[in-house]
Amino acid sequence: MSGRQLHLNVNLLHSGVYPSAWRLPESRPDAFIDIDHVVRVARIAERGKLDAIFLADTPAINDRIDYRPFNALEPTVVLAAVAAATRHVGLVATASTTYNEPYNLARRFASLDLVSRGRAGWNVVTTADASAGRNFGFAGVSDHGARYARAREFTDLVHALWDSWEDDAFVGDKASGRFIDTDKVHAIDHRGAH
């Protein structure tokens, strides 16, 4: 045996991968905004012993909304609902380092990880889409090197934030009035180029 493992996931895309799949007779055109559809697919994946469901995302709506569904719902919110309806399947979402801030994203995924009891995963991407840039007030997109330099710093900072609280920092001792062991909470004093 080589010791290698195969992980199977379902890439859950609204009504299907093919842009016009929503037009099939058995398809649900509103699946892209239907949490019940997502939960149903996640439960099927869990019953089938798949490792995770995956939600792709982009911080912009595609340019052909008149012809096909798009990624409308924010993935970590959707996966929080899926977490409540499942027990074992992993919950992976895309989030861009280009158009997010490290603290907010670290908090969202840490929250998802807590409510799902350790099943959250982050698909780290940079975004090179001009319409996404315009959503955030930019005329264009930053060049490849700048996006990836920011992504490296961003992911390092997110990991530092996740590790800033030791696992046993919470005390909750009513008798002593001690809520948190502050020696086990570490400030992140980040200074970087981005």
N, C-alpha and C. Protein backbone atom coordinates (compact mmCIF):
# COMPACT_ATOMS: atom_id res chain seq x y z
N MET A 1 0.83 -1.18 0.00
CA MET A 1 0.00 0.00 0.00
C MET A 1 0.88 1.24 0.00
N SER A 2 0.45 2.23 -0.74
CA SER A 2 1.20 3.48 -0.82
C SER A 2 0.87 4.43 0.31
N GLY A 3 -0.22 4.18 1.04
CA GLY A 3 -0.62 5.09 2.11
C GLY A 3 -1.41 6.29 1.60
N ARG A 4 -1.69 6.33 0.32
CA ARG A 4 -2.44 7.45 -0.25
C ARG A 4 -3.93 7.24 -0.02
N GLN A 5 -4.64 8.35 0.12
CA GLN A 5 -6.08 8.27 0.29
C GLN A 5 -6.75 9.08 -0.80
N LEU A 6 -7.92 8.62 -1.18
CA LEU A 6 -8.74 9.33 -2.15
C LEU A 6 -9.88 9.99 -1.40
N HIS A 7 -10.05 11.28 -1.58
CA HIS A 7 -11.14 12.02 -0.95
C HIS A 7 -12.15 12.40 -2.02
N LEU A 8 -13.42 12.08 -1.77
CA LEU A 8 -14.47 12.38 -2.73
C LEU A 8 -15.36 13.48 -2.18
N ASN A 9 -15.59 14.48 -3.00
CA ASN A 9 -16.42 15.62 -2.64
C ASN A 9 -17.42 15.87 -3.75
N VAL A 10 -18.49 16.57 -3.43
CA VAL A 10 -19.42 17.02 -4.46
C VAL A 10 -19.29 18.53 -4.58
N ASN A 11 -19.07 19.00 -5.79
CA ASN A 11 -19.02 20.42 -6.08
C ASN A 11 -20.46 20.85 -6.36
N LEU A 12 -21.09 21.46 -5.39
CA LEU A 12 -22.51 21.76 -5.46
C LEU A 12 -22.72 23.09 -6.19
N LEU A 13 -23.11 23.00 -7.44
CA LEU A 13 -23.35 24.18 -8.26
C LEU A 13 -24.83 24.29 -8.59
N HIS A 14 -25.50 25.22 -7.98
CA HIS A 14 -26.92 25.55 -8.22
C HIS A 14 -27.70 24.43 -8.91
N SER A 15 -27.99 24.52 -10.19
CA SER A 15 -28.78 23.49 -10.88
C SER A 15 -27.93 22.52 -11.67
N GLY A 16 -26.62 22.66 -11.60
CA GLY A 16 -25.73 21.76 -12.32
C GLY A 16 -24.56 22.50 -12.93
N VAL A 17 -23.54 21.76 -13.33
CA VAL A 17 -22.33 22.36 -13.88
C VAL A 17 -22.59 23.03 -15.22
N TYR A 18 -23.38 22.38 -16.05
CA TYR A 18 -23.65 22.94 -17.37
C TYR A 18 -24.56 24.16 -17.22
N PRO A 19 -24.20 25.31 -17.82
CA PRO A 19 -24.96 26.55 -17.60
C PRO A 19 -26.46 26.47 -17.86
N SER A 20 -26.88 25.64 -18.80
CA SER A 20 -28.32 25.57 -19.08
C SER A 20 -28.99 24.36 -18.43
N ALA A 21 -28.33 23.73 -17.47
CA ALA A 21 -28.90 22.56 -16.80
C ALA A 21 -30.22 22.88 -16.11
N TRP A 22 -30.42 24.12 -15.74
CA TRP A 22 -31.66 24.53 -15.07
C TRP A 22 -32.89 24.34 -15.95
N ARG A 23 -32.67 24.19 -17.27
CA ARG A 23 -33.78 24.04 -18.21
C ARG A 23 -34.24 22.59 -18.37
N LEU A 24 -33.51 21.64 -17.81
CA LEU A 24 -33.92 20.23 -17.90
C LEU A 24 -35.26 20.05 -17.18
N PRO A 25 -36.12 19.18 -17.68
CA PRO A 25 -37.45 19.01 -17.07
C PRO A 25 -37.40 18.67 -15.58
N GLU A 26 -36.42 17.87 -15.17
CA GLU A 26 -36.33 17.46 -13.77
C GLU A 26 -35.57 18.45 -12.89
N SER A 27 -35.06 19.50 -13.48
CA SER A 27 -34.25 20.47 -12.74
C SER A 27 -35.12 21.51 -12.03
N ARG A 28 -34.57 22.10 -11.00
CA ARG A 28 -35.24 23.16 -10.24
C ARG A 28 -34.57 24.48 -10.59
N PRO A 29 -35.18 25.35 -11.35
CA PRO A 29 -34.56 26.63 -11.72
C PRO A 29 -34.19 27.50 -10.52
N ASP A 30 -34.91 27.36 -9.41
CA ASP A 30 -34.62 28.19 -8.23
C ASP A 30 -33.64 27.53 -7.26
N ALA A 31 -32.99 26.45 -7.65
CA ALA A 31 -32.07 25.73 -6.77
C ALA A 31 -30.93 26.62 -6.29
N PHE A 32 -30.57 27.61 -7.06
CA PHE A 32 -29.44 28.47 -6.69
C PHE A 32 -29.73 29.34 -5.46
N ILE A 33 -31.00 29.45 -5.05
CA ILE A 33 -31.36 30.20 -3.85
C ILE A 33 -32.22 29.38 -2.90
N ASP A 34 -32.19 28.07 -3.04
CA ASP A 34 -33.03 27.19 -2.24
C ASP A 34 -32.17 26.39 -1.25
N ILE A 35 -32.22 26.76 0.03
CA ILE A 35 -31.41 26.06 1.03
C ILE A 35 -31.82 24.60 1.15
N ASP A 36 -33.08 24.30 0.92
CA ASP A 36 -33.52 22.91 0.98
C ASP A 36 -32.82 22.05 -0.07
N HIS A 37 -32.58 22.62 -1.24
CA HIS A 37 -31.85 21.91 -2.29
C HIS A 37 -30.43 21.58 -1.82
N VAL A 38 -29.77 22.56 -1.24
CA VAL A 38 -28.39 22.36 -0.77
C VAL A 38 -28.36 21.31 0.33
N VAL A 39 -29.26 21.41 1.28
CA VAL A 39 -29.32 20.45 2.38
C VAL A 39 -29.60 19.05 1.85
N ARG A 40 -30.50 18.93 0.90
CA ARG A 40 -30.83 17.63 0.30
C ARG A 40 -29.59 17.00 -0.35
N VAL A 41 -28.85 17.78 -1.11
CA VAL A 41 -27.63 17.26 -1.76
C VAL A 41 -26.59 16.88 -0.71
N ALA A 42 -26.45 17.71 0.33
CA ALA A 42 -25.49 17.42 1.39
C ALA A 42 -25.83 16.12 2.11
N ARG A 43 -27.10 15.89 2.36
CA ARG A 43 -27.53 14.65 3.03
C ARG A 43 -27.28 13.44 2.14
N ILE A 44 -27.49 13.59 0.85
CA ILE A 44 -27.19 12.50 -0.09
C ILE A 44 -25.70 12.21 -0.08
N ALA A 45 -24.88 13.27 -0.10
CA ALA A 45 -23.42 13.11 -0.06
C ALA A 45 -23.00 12.41 1.23
N GLU A 46 -23.62 12.79 2.33
CA GLU A 46 -23.29 12.18 3.61
C GLU A 46 -23.67 10.70 3.63
N ARG A 47 -24.87 10.38 3.15
CA ARG A 47 -25.29 8.97 3.08
C ARG A 47 -24.37 8.17 2.18
N GLY A 48 -23.88 8.81 1.11
CA GLY A 48 -22.97 8.14 0.18
C GLY A 48 -21.53 8.08 0.66
N LYS A 49 -21.29 8.55 1.88
CA LYS A 49 -19.96 8.51 2.51
C LYS A 49 -18.94 9.40 1.81
N LEU A 50 -19.40 10.42 1.09
CA LEU A 50 -18.47 11.38 0.52
C LEU A 50 -17.82 12.17 1.66
N ASP A 51 -16.63 12.68 1.40
CA ASP A 51 -15.90 13.40 2.44
C ASP A 51 -16.46 14.79 2.69
N ALA A 52 -16.90 15.47 1.63
CA ALA A 52 -17.31 16.87 1.81
C ALA A 52 -18.21 17.33 0.69
N ILE A 53 -18.89 18.44 0.96
CA ILE A 53 -19.53 19.19 -0.11
C ILE A 53 -18.72 20.46 -0.27
N PHE A 54 -18.69 20.97 -1.48
CA PHE A 54 -17.87 22.13 -1.81
C PHE A 54 -18.74 23.19 -2.48
N LEU A 55 -18.66 24.41 -1.98
CA LEU A 55 -19.36 25.53 -2.59
C LEU A 55 -18.35 26.51 -3.16
N ALA A 56 -18.34 26.65 -4.46
CA ALA A 56 -17.50 27.64 -5.11
C ALA A 56 -18.14 29.01 -4.91
N ASP A 57 -17.37 30.06 -5.07
CA ASP A 57 -17.94 31.39 -4.92
C ASP A 57 -17.07 32.40 -5.65
N THR A 58 -17.68 33.49 -5.99
CA THR A 58 -16.97 34.64 -6.54
C THR A 58 -17.67 35.89 -6.02
N PRO A 59 -16.91 36.95 -5.74
CA PRO A 59 -17.54 38.16 -5.20
C PRO A 59 -18.15 39.05 -6.29
N ALA A 60 -18.77 38.44 -7.27
CA ALA A 60 -19.45 39.17 -8.34
C ALA A 60 -20.49 38.25 -8.98
N ILE A 61 -21.51 38.84 -9.54
CA ILE A 61 -22.51 38.07 -10.27
C ILE A 61 -22.08 37.99 -11.72
N ASN A 62 -22.23 36.80 -12.33
CA ASN A 62 -21.77 36.66 -13.71
C ASN A 62 -22.53 37.60 -14.65
N ASP A 63 -22.00 37.75 -15.81
CA ASP A 63 -22.52 38.73 -16.75
C ASP A 63 -23.72 38.25 -17.57
N ARG A 64 -24.18 37.03 -17.38
CA ARG A 64 -25.29 36.49 -18.17
C ARG A 64 -26.41 35.98 -17.27
N ILE A 65 -26.89 36.82 -16.36
CA ILE A 65 -27.93 36.38 -15.44
C ILE A 65 -29.25 36.10 -16.15
N ASP A 66 -29.39 36.58 -17.36
CA ASP A 66 -30.63 36.32 -18.10
C ASP A 66 -30.68 34.90 -18.66
N TYR A 67 -29.53 34.17 -18.67
CA TYR A 67 -29.49 32.84 -19.26
C TYR A 67 -29.19 31.70 -18.29
N ARG A 68 -28.64 32.01 -17.13
CA ARG A 68 -28.22 30.92 -16.24
C ARG A 68 -28.20 31.37 -14.77
N PRO A 69 -28.30 30.39 -13.85
CA PRO A 69 -28.20 30.72 -12.43
C PRO A 69 -26.78 31.15 -12.07
N PHE A 70 -26.63 31.70 -10.91
CA PHE A 70 -25.33 32.19 -10.46
C PHE A 70 -25.18 31.90 -8.98
N ASN A 71 -23.98 32.13 -8.45
CA ASN A 71 -23.72 31.91 -7.03
C ASN A 71 -24.29 33.09 -6.26
N ALA A 72 -25.48 32.93 -5.71
CA ALA A 72 -26.18 34.04 -5.07
C ALA A 72 -26.01 34.08 -3.56
N LEU A 73 -25.98 32.93 -2.92
CA LEU A 73 -25.94 32.88 -1.46
C LEU A 73 -24.50 32.80 -0.96
N GLU A 74 -24.24 33.45 0.16
CA GLU A 74 -22.89 33.46 0.73
C GLU A 74 -22.60 32.06 1.30
N PRO A 75 -21.50 31.43 0.88
CA PRO A 75 -21.25 30.02 1.20
C PRO A 75 -21.16 29.68 2.68
N THR A 76 -20.51 30.50 3.51
CA THR A 76 -20.40 30.10 4.92
C THR A 76 -21.75 30.15 5.62
N VAL A 77 -22.63 31.04 5.19
CA VAL A 77 -23.98 31.07 5.75
C VAL A 77 -24.74 29.80 5.34
N VAL A 78 -24.64 29.45 4.07
CA VAL A 78 -25.30 28.24 3.57
C VAL A 78 -24.76 27.01 4.31
N LEU A 79 -23.45 26.93 4.48
CA LEU A 79 -22.87 25.76 5.13
C LEU A 79 -23.20 25.70 6.61
N ALA A 80 -23.46 26.83 7.24
CA ALA A 80 -23.92 26.80 8.63
C ALA A 80 -25.29 26.12 8.72
N ALA A 81 -26.16 26.40 7.76
CA ALA A 81 -27.45 25.73 7.72
C ALA A 81 -27.28 24.23 7.44
N VAL A 82 -26.36 23.90 6.54
CA VAL A 82 -26.09 22.50 6.22
C VAL A 82 -25.51 21.79 7.45
N ALA A 83 -24.68 22.47 8.21
CA ALA A 83 -24.09 21.87 9.41
C ALA A 83 -25.16 21.41 10.39
N ALA A 84 -26.23 22.20 10.50
CA ALA A 84 -27.31 21.84 11.41
C ALA A 84 -28.11 20.63 10.93
N ALA A 85 -28.04 20.35 9.64
CA ALA A 85 -28.84 19.27 9.05
C ALA A 85 -28.04 18.00 8.77
N THR A 86 -26.74 18.03 9.04
CA THR A 86 -25.88 16.87 8.77
C THR A 86 -24.99 16.63 10.00
N ARG A 87 -24.27 15.52 9.99
CA ARG A 87 -23.42 15.18 11.13
C ARG A 87 -21.96 14.93 10.77
N HIS A 88 -21.69 14.45 9.56
CA HIS A 88 -20.34 13.98 9.27
C HIS A 88 -19.69 14.61 8.04
N VAL A 89 -20.46 14.98 7.05
CA VAL A 89 -19.89 15.44 5.79
C VAL A 89 -19.14 16.77 6.01
N GLY A 90 -17.97 16.89 5.39
CA GLY A 90 -17.19 18.11 5.48
C GLY A 90 -17.86 19.25 4.74
N LEU A 91 -17.53 20.47 5.12
CA LEU A 91 -18.19 21.66 4.58
C LEU A 91 -17.11 22.64 4.10
N VAL A 92 -16.90 22.68 2.79
CA VAL A 92 -15.82 23.47 2.22
C VAL A 92 -16.39 24.61 1.39
N ALA A 93 -15.88 25.81 1.63
CA ALA A 93 -16.35 26.99 0.89
C ALA A 93 -15.17 27.78 0.35
N THR A 94 -15.39 28.39 -0.79
CA THR A 94 -14.42 29.29 -1.39
C THR A 94 -14.56 30.67 -0.76
N ALA A 95 -13.43 31.30 -0.49
CA ALA A 95 -13.43 32.70 -0.07
C ALA A 95 -12.16 33.34 -0.61
N SER A 96 -12.31 34.48 -1.23
CA SER A 96 -11.21 35.18 -1.88
C SER A 96 -10.38 35.99 -0.90
N THR A 97 -9.07 35.91 -1.06
CA THR A 97 -8.16 36.75 -0.28
C THR A 97 -8.06 38.15 -0.89
N THR A 98 -8.54 38.31 -2.10
CA THR A 98 -8.45 39.60 -2.78
C THR A 98 -9.48 40.59 -2.24
N TYR A 99 -10.69 40.12 -1.97
CA TYR A 99 -11.78 41.01 -1.58
C TYR A 99 -12.41 40.62 -0.24
N ASN A 100 -11.60 40.27 0.72
CA ASN A 100 -12.01 40.03 2.09
C ASN A 100 -10.93 40.62 2.99
N GLU A 101 -11.20 40.64 4.27
CA GLU A 101 -10.20 41.04 5.26
C GLU A 101 -9.91 39.84 6.15
N PRO A 102 -8.66 39.65 6.55
CA PRO A 102 -8.29 38.45 7.30
C PRO A 102 -9.11 38.21 8.58
N TYR A 103 -9.32 39.23 9.39
CA TYR A 103 -10.05 39.01 10.64
C TYR A 103 -11.48 38.53 10.37
N ASN A 104 -12.16 39.21 9.47
CA ASN A 104 -13.55 38.84 9.18
C ASN A 104 -13.66 37.42 8.64
N LEU A 105 -12.75 37.08 7.73
CA LEU A 105 -12.80 35.74 7.15
C LEU A 105 -12.40 34.69 8.18
N ALA A 106 -11.39 34.98 9.00
CA ALA A 106 -10.99 34.04 10.05
C ALA A 106 -12.16 33.79 11.00
N ARG A 107 -12.88 34.85 11.34
CA ARG A 107 -14.02 34.71 12.24
C ARG A 107 -15.15 33.90 11.61
N ARG A 108 -15.46 34.16 10.33
CA ARG A 108 -16.52 33.40 9.66
C ARG A 108 -16.22 31.91 9.63
N PHE A 109 -14.98 31.56 9.22
CA PHE A 109 -14.65 30.14 9.12
C PHE A 109 -14.45 29.50 10.49
N ALA A 110 -13.96 30.23 11.47
CA ALA A 110 -13.86 29.68 12.83
C ALA A 110 -15.26 29.42 13.38
N SER A 111 -16.19 30.33 13.10
CA SER A 111 -17.58 30.13 13.54
C SER A 111 -18.19 28.90 12.87
N LEU A 112 -17.97 28.77 11.56
CA LEU A 112 -18.48 27.60 10.84
C LEU A 112 -17.86 26.33 11.40
N ASP A 113 -16.58 26.37 11.72
CA ASP A 113 -15.90 25.21 12.27
C ASP A 113 -16.49 24.82 13.62
N LEU A 114 -16.80 25.81 14.45
CA LEU A 114 -17.41 25.53 15.76
C LEU A 114 -18.82 24.97 15.62
N VAL A 115 -19.66 25.61 14.81
CA VAL A 115 -21.05 25.13 14.71
C VAL A 115 -21.14 23.78 14.01
N SER A 116 -20.15 23.46 13.19
CA SER A 116 -20.16 22.16 12.50
C SER A 116 -19.35 21.10 13.25
N ARG A 117 -18.80 21.48 14.38
CA ARG A 117 -17.98 20.58 15.20
C ARG A 117 -16.77 20.05 14.42
N GLY A 118 -16.06 21.00 13.79
CA GLY A 118 -14.79 20.67 13.16
C GLY A 118 -14.84 20.21 11.72
N ARG A 119 -15.91 20.55 11.01
CA ARG A 119 -16.05 20.05 9.63
C ARG A 119 -15.79 21.10 8.57
N ALA A 120 -15.36 22.31 8.95
CA ALA A 120 -15.21 23.40 7.98
C ALA A 120 -13.87 23.33 7.24
N GLY A 121 -13.91 23.76 5.99
CA GLY A 121 -12.70 23.86 5.18
C GLY A 121 -12.78 25.12 4.33
N TRP A 122 -11.63 25.72 4.08
CA TRP A 122 -11.55 26.97 3.30
C TRP A 122 -10.79 26.71 2.01
N ASN A 123 -11.43 26.96 0.89
CA ASN A 123 -10.79 26.93 -0.42
C ASN A 123 -10.27 28.34 -0.68
N VAL A 124 -8.97 28.52 -0.53
CA VAL A 124 -8.35 29.84 -0.67
C VAL A 124 -8.17 30.16 -2.14
N VAL A 125 -8.67 31.31 -2.57
CA VAL A 125 -8.48 31.76 -3.95
C VAL A 125 -8.13 33.24 -3.96
N THR A 126 -7.53 33.65 -5.07
CA THR A 126 -7.43 35.07 -5.38
C THR A 126 -8.45 35.33 -6.48
N THR A 127 -8.80 36.60 -6.67
CA THR A 127 -9.83 36.90 -7.66
C THR A 127 -9.28 37.87 -8.70
N ALA A 128 -9.39 37.48 -9.97
CA ALA A 128 -8.89 38.30 -11.07
C ALA A 128 -10.03 38.70 -12.00
N ASP A 129 -11.20 38.91 -11.43
CA ASP A 129 -12.38 39.23 -12.22
C ASP A 129 -12.64 40.74 -12.14
N ALA A 130 -12.73 41.40 -13.29
CA ALA A 130 -12.92 42.86 -13.32
C ALA A 130 -14.23 43.29 -12.68
N SER A 131 -15.30 42.50 -12.86
CA SER A 131 -16.57 42.88 -12.25
C SER A 131 -16.51 42.78 -10.73
N ALA A 132 -15.75 41.83 -10.21
CA ALA A 132 -15.55 41.75 -8.76
C ALA A 132 -14.79 42.98 -8.27
N GLY A 133 -13.77 43.37 -8.99
CA GLY A 133 -13.02 44.57 -8.63
C GLY A 133 -13.92 45.79 -8.56
N ARG A 134 -14.80 45.93 -9.53
CA ARG A 134 -15.72 47.07 -9.54
C ARG A 134 -16.66 47.04 -8.33
N ASN A 135 -17.05 45.83 -7.89
CA ASN A 135 -17.90 45.72 -6.70
C ASN A 135 -17.23 46.31 -5.46
N PHE A 136 -15.92 46.35 -5.47
CA PHE A 136 -15.17 46.84 -4.33
C PHE A 136 -14.51 48.19 -4.60
N GLY A 137 -14.95 48.86 -5.66
CA GLY A 137 -14.50 50.22 -5.93
C GLY A 137 -13.21 50.34 -6.70
N PHE A 138 -12.76 49.27 -7.34
CA PHE A 138 -11.52 49.31 -8.11
C PHE A 138 -11.82 49.35 -9.60
N ALA A 139 -11.02 50.05 -10.35
CA ALA A 139 -11.22 50.18 -11.79
C ALA A 139 -10.87 48.89 -12.53
N GLY A 140 -9.93 48.14 -12.01
CA GLY A 140 -9.51 46.90 -12.65
C GLY A 140 -9.13 45.87 -11.61
N VAL A 141 -8.26 44.96 -12.00
CA VAL A 141 -7.78 43.94 -11.08
C VAL A 141 -6.29 44.13 -10.86
N SER A 142 -5.84 43.74 -9.67
CA SER A 142 -4.40 43.82 -9.42
C SER A 142 -3.70 42.71 -10.19
N ASP A 143 -2.42 42.90 -10.45
CA ASP A 143 -1.71 41.90 -11.24
C ASP A 143 -1.50 40.62 -10.42
N HIS A 144 -1.19 39.57 -11.14
CA HIS A 144 -1.05 38.24 -10.57
C HIS A 144 -0.11 38.22 -9.37
N GLY A 145 1.07 38.78 -9.51
CA GLY A 145 2.06 38.78 -8.43
C GLY A 145 1.55 39.47 -7.18
N ALA A 146 0.89 40.61 -7.34
CA ALA A 146 0.36 41.35 -6.19
C ALA A 146 -0.76 40.57 -5.50
N ARG A 147 -1.63 39.94 -6.28
CA ARG A 147 -2.72 39.15 -5.69
C ARG A 147 -2.17 38.00 -4.87
N TYR A 148 -1.16 37.32 -5.40
CA TYR A 148 -0.62 36.16 -4.69
C TYR A 148 0.24 36.57 -3.50
N ALA A 149 0.92 37.71 -3.56
CA ALA A 149 1.65 38.21 -2.39
C ALA A 149 0.67 38.53 -1.27
N ARG A 150 -0.44 39.19 -1.61
CA ARG A 150 -1.47 39.47 -0.61
C ARG A 150 -2.04 38.16 -0.05
N ALA A 151 -2.29 37.19 -0.93
CA ALA A 151 -2.86 35.91 -0.49
C ALA A 151 -1.95 35.20 0.50
N ARG A 152 -0.63 35.22 0.26
CA ARG A 152 0.31 34.58 1.18
C ARG A 152 0.25 35.24 2.55
N GLU A 153 0.30 36.57 2.56
CA GLU A 153 0.24 37.29 3.84
C GLU A 153 -1.12 37.07 4.51
N PHE A 154 -2.17 37.11 3.74
CA PHE A 154 -3.54 36.94 4.23
C PHE A 154 -3.71 35.58 4.91
N THR A 155 -3.30 34.51 4.22
CA THR A 155 -3.49 33.16 4.79
C THR A 155 -2.61 32.97 6.03
N ASP A 156 -1.40 33.52 6.01
CA ASP A 156 -0.55 33.45 7.21
C ASP A 156 -1.24 34.12 8.39
N LEU A 157 -1.84 35.28 8.15
CA LEU A 157 -2.52 36.02 9.21
C LEU A 157 -3.77 35.28 9.69
N VAL A 158 -4.55 34.72 8.79
CA VAL A 158 -5.72 33.95 9.18
C VAL A 158 -5.30 32.77 10.07
N HIS A 159 -4.25 32.06 9.67
CA HIS A 159 -3.77 30.94 10.49
C HIS A 159 -3.31 31.42 11.86
N ALA A 160 -2.61 32.56 11.91
CA ALA A 160 -2.17 33.12 13.19
C ALA A 160 -3.37 33.47 14.08
N LEU A 161 -4.41 34.04 13.48
CA LEU A 161 -5.62 34.36 14.25
C LEU A 161 -6.27 33.09 14.79
N TRP A 162 -6.36 32.08 13.96
CA TRP A 162 -6.96 30.82 14.42
C TRP A 162 -6.17 30.21 15.58
N ASP A 163 -4.85 30.38 15.54
CA ASP A 163 -3.99 29.81 16.58
C ASP A 163 -3.81 30.73 17.78
N SER A 164 -4.42 31.90 17.77
CA SER A 164 -4.18 32.89 18.84
C SER A 164 -4.85 32.50 20.16
N TRP A 165 -5.82 31.64 20.12
CA TRP A 165 -6.45 31.12 21.33
C TRP A 165 -6.06 29.65 21.46
N GLU A 166 -5.43 29.31 22.58
CA GLU A 166 -5.12 27.90 22.82
C GLU A 166 -6.43 27.15 23.09
N ASP A 167 -6.42 25.86 22.82
CA ASP A 167 -7.64 25.07 22.92
C ASP A 167 -8.29 25.12 24.31
N ASP A 168 -7.49 25.26 25.34
CA ASP A 168 -8.04 25.25 26.70
C ASP A 168 -8.06 26.66 27.33
N ALA A 169 -8.14 27.70 26.50
CA ALA A 169 -8.18 29.08 27.03
C ALA A 169 -9.46 29.39 27.78
N PHE A 170 -10.55 28.79 27.38
CA PHE A 170 -11.82 29.03 28.07
C PHE A 170 -11.81 28.32 29.42
N VAL A 171 -12.13 29.06 30.48
CA VAL A 171 -12.17 28.51 31.83
C VAL A 171 -13.61 28.38 32.31
N GLY A 172 -14.34 29.50 32.30
CA GLY A 172 -15.73 29.49 32.72
C GLY A 172 -15.92 29.05 34.16
N ASP A 173 -15.02 29.45 35.06
CA ASP A 173 -15.11 29.06 36.47
C ASP A 173 -15.95 30.08 37.22
N LYS A 174 -17.19 29.71 37.54
CA LYS A 174 -18.11 30.62 38.21
C LYS A 174 -17.64 30.99 39.61
N ALA A 175 -17.09 30.03 40.34
CA ALA A 175 -16.68 30.27 41.73
C ALA A 175 -15.59 31.34 41.81
N SER A 176 -14.60 31.25 40.91
CA SER A 176 -13.50 32.22 40.96
C SER A 176 -13.79 33.48 40.14
N GLY A 177 -14.80 33.38 39.28
CA GLY A 177 -15.11 34.51 38.40
C GLY A 177 -14.16 34.61 37.22
N ARG A 178 -13.38 33.57 37.00
CA ARG A 178 -12.41 33.58 35.90
C ARG A 178 -13.07 32.98 34.66
N PHE A 179 -13.18 33.80 33.63
CA PHE A 179 -13.86 33.39 32.41
C PHE A 179 -12.88 32.81 31.38
N ILE A 180 -11.78 33.52 31.15
CA ILE A 180 -10.77 33.12 30.16
C ILE A 180 -9.40 33.13 30.84
N ASP A 181 -8.57 32.17 30.50
CA ASP A 181 -7.17 32.18 30.93
C ASP A 181 -6.41 33.05 29.93
N THR A 182 -6.20 34.30 30.28
CA THR A 182 -5.60 35.26 29.34
C THR A 182 -4.16 34.91 28.97
N ASP A 183 -3.50 34.04 29.76
CA ASP A 183 -2.16 33.58 29.38
C ASP A 183 -2.20 32.67 28.16
N LYS A 184 -3.41 32.19 27.83
CA LYS A 184 -3.56 31.28 26.70
C LYS A 184 -4.21 31.96 25.49
N VAL A 185 -4.31 33.29 25.55
CA VAL A 185 -4.82 34.08 24.44
C VAL A 185 -3.68 35.01 24.01
N HIS A 186 -3.30 34.92 22.76
CA HIS A 186 -2.12 35.62 22.27
C HIS A 186 -2.49 36.68 21.24
N ALA A 187 -2.09 37.91 21.53
CA ALA A 187 -2.36 39.01 20.61
C ALA A 187 -1.60 38.82 19.30
N ILE A 188 -2.23 39.18 18.22
CA ILE A 188 -1.58 39.14 16.91
C ILE A 188 -1.33 40.58 16.51
N ASP A 189 -0.09 41.00 16.58
CA ASP A 189 0.28 42.37 16.24
C ASP A 189 0.92 42.36 14.87
N HIS A 190 0.08 42.15 13.86
CA HIS A 190 0.57 41.98 12.50
C HIS A 190 0.88 43.31 11.83
N ARG A 191 2.02 43.40 11.24
CA ARG A 191 2.39 44.52 10.38
C ARG A 191 2.94 43.91 9.10
N GLY A 192 2.31 44.26 7.98
CA GLY A 192 2.76 43.67 6.73
C GLY A 192 2.55 44.61 5.57
N ALA A 193 2.91 44.16 4.40
CA ALA A 193 2.80 44.99 3.20
C ALA A 193 1.35 45.19 2.78
N HIS A 194 0.48 44.28 3.15
CA HIS A 194 -0.92 44.35 2.70
C HIS A 194 -1.88 44.57 3.84
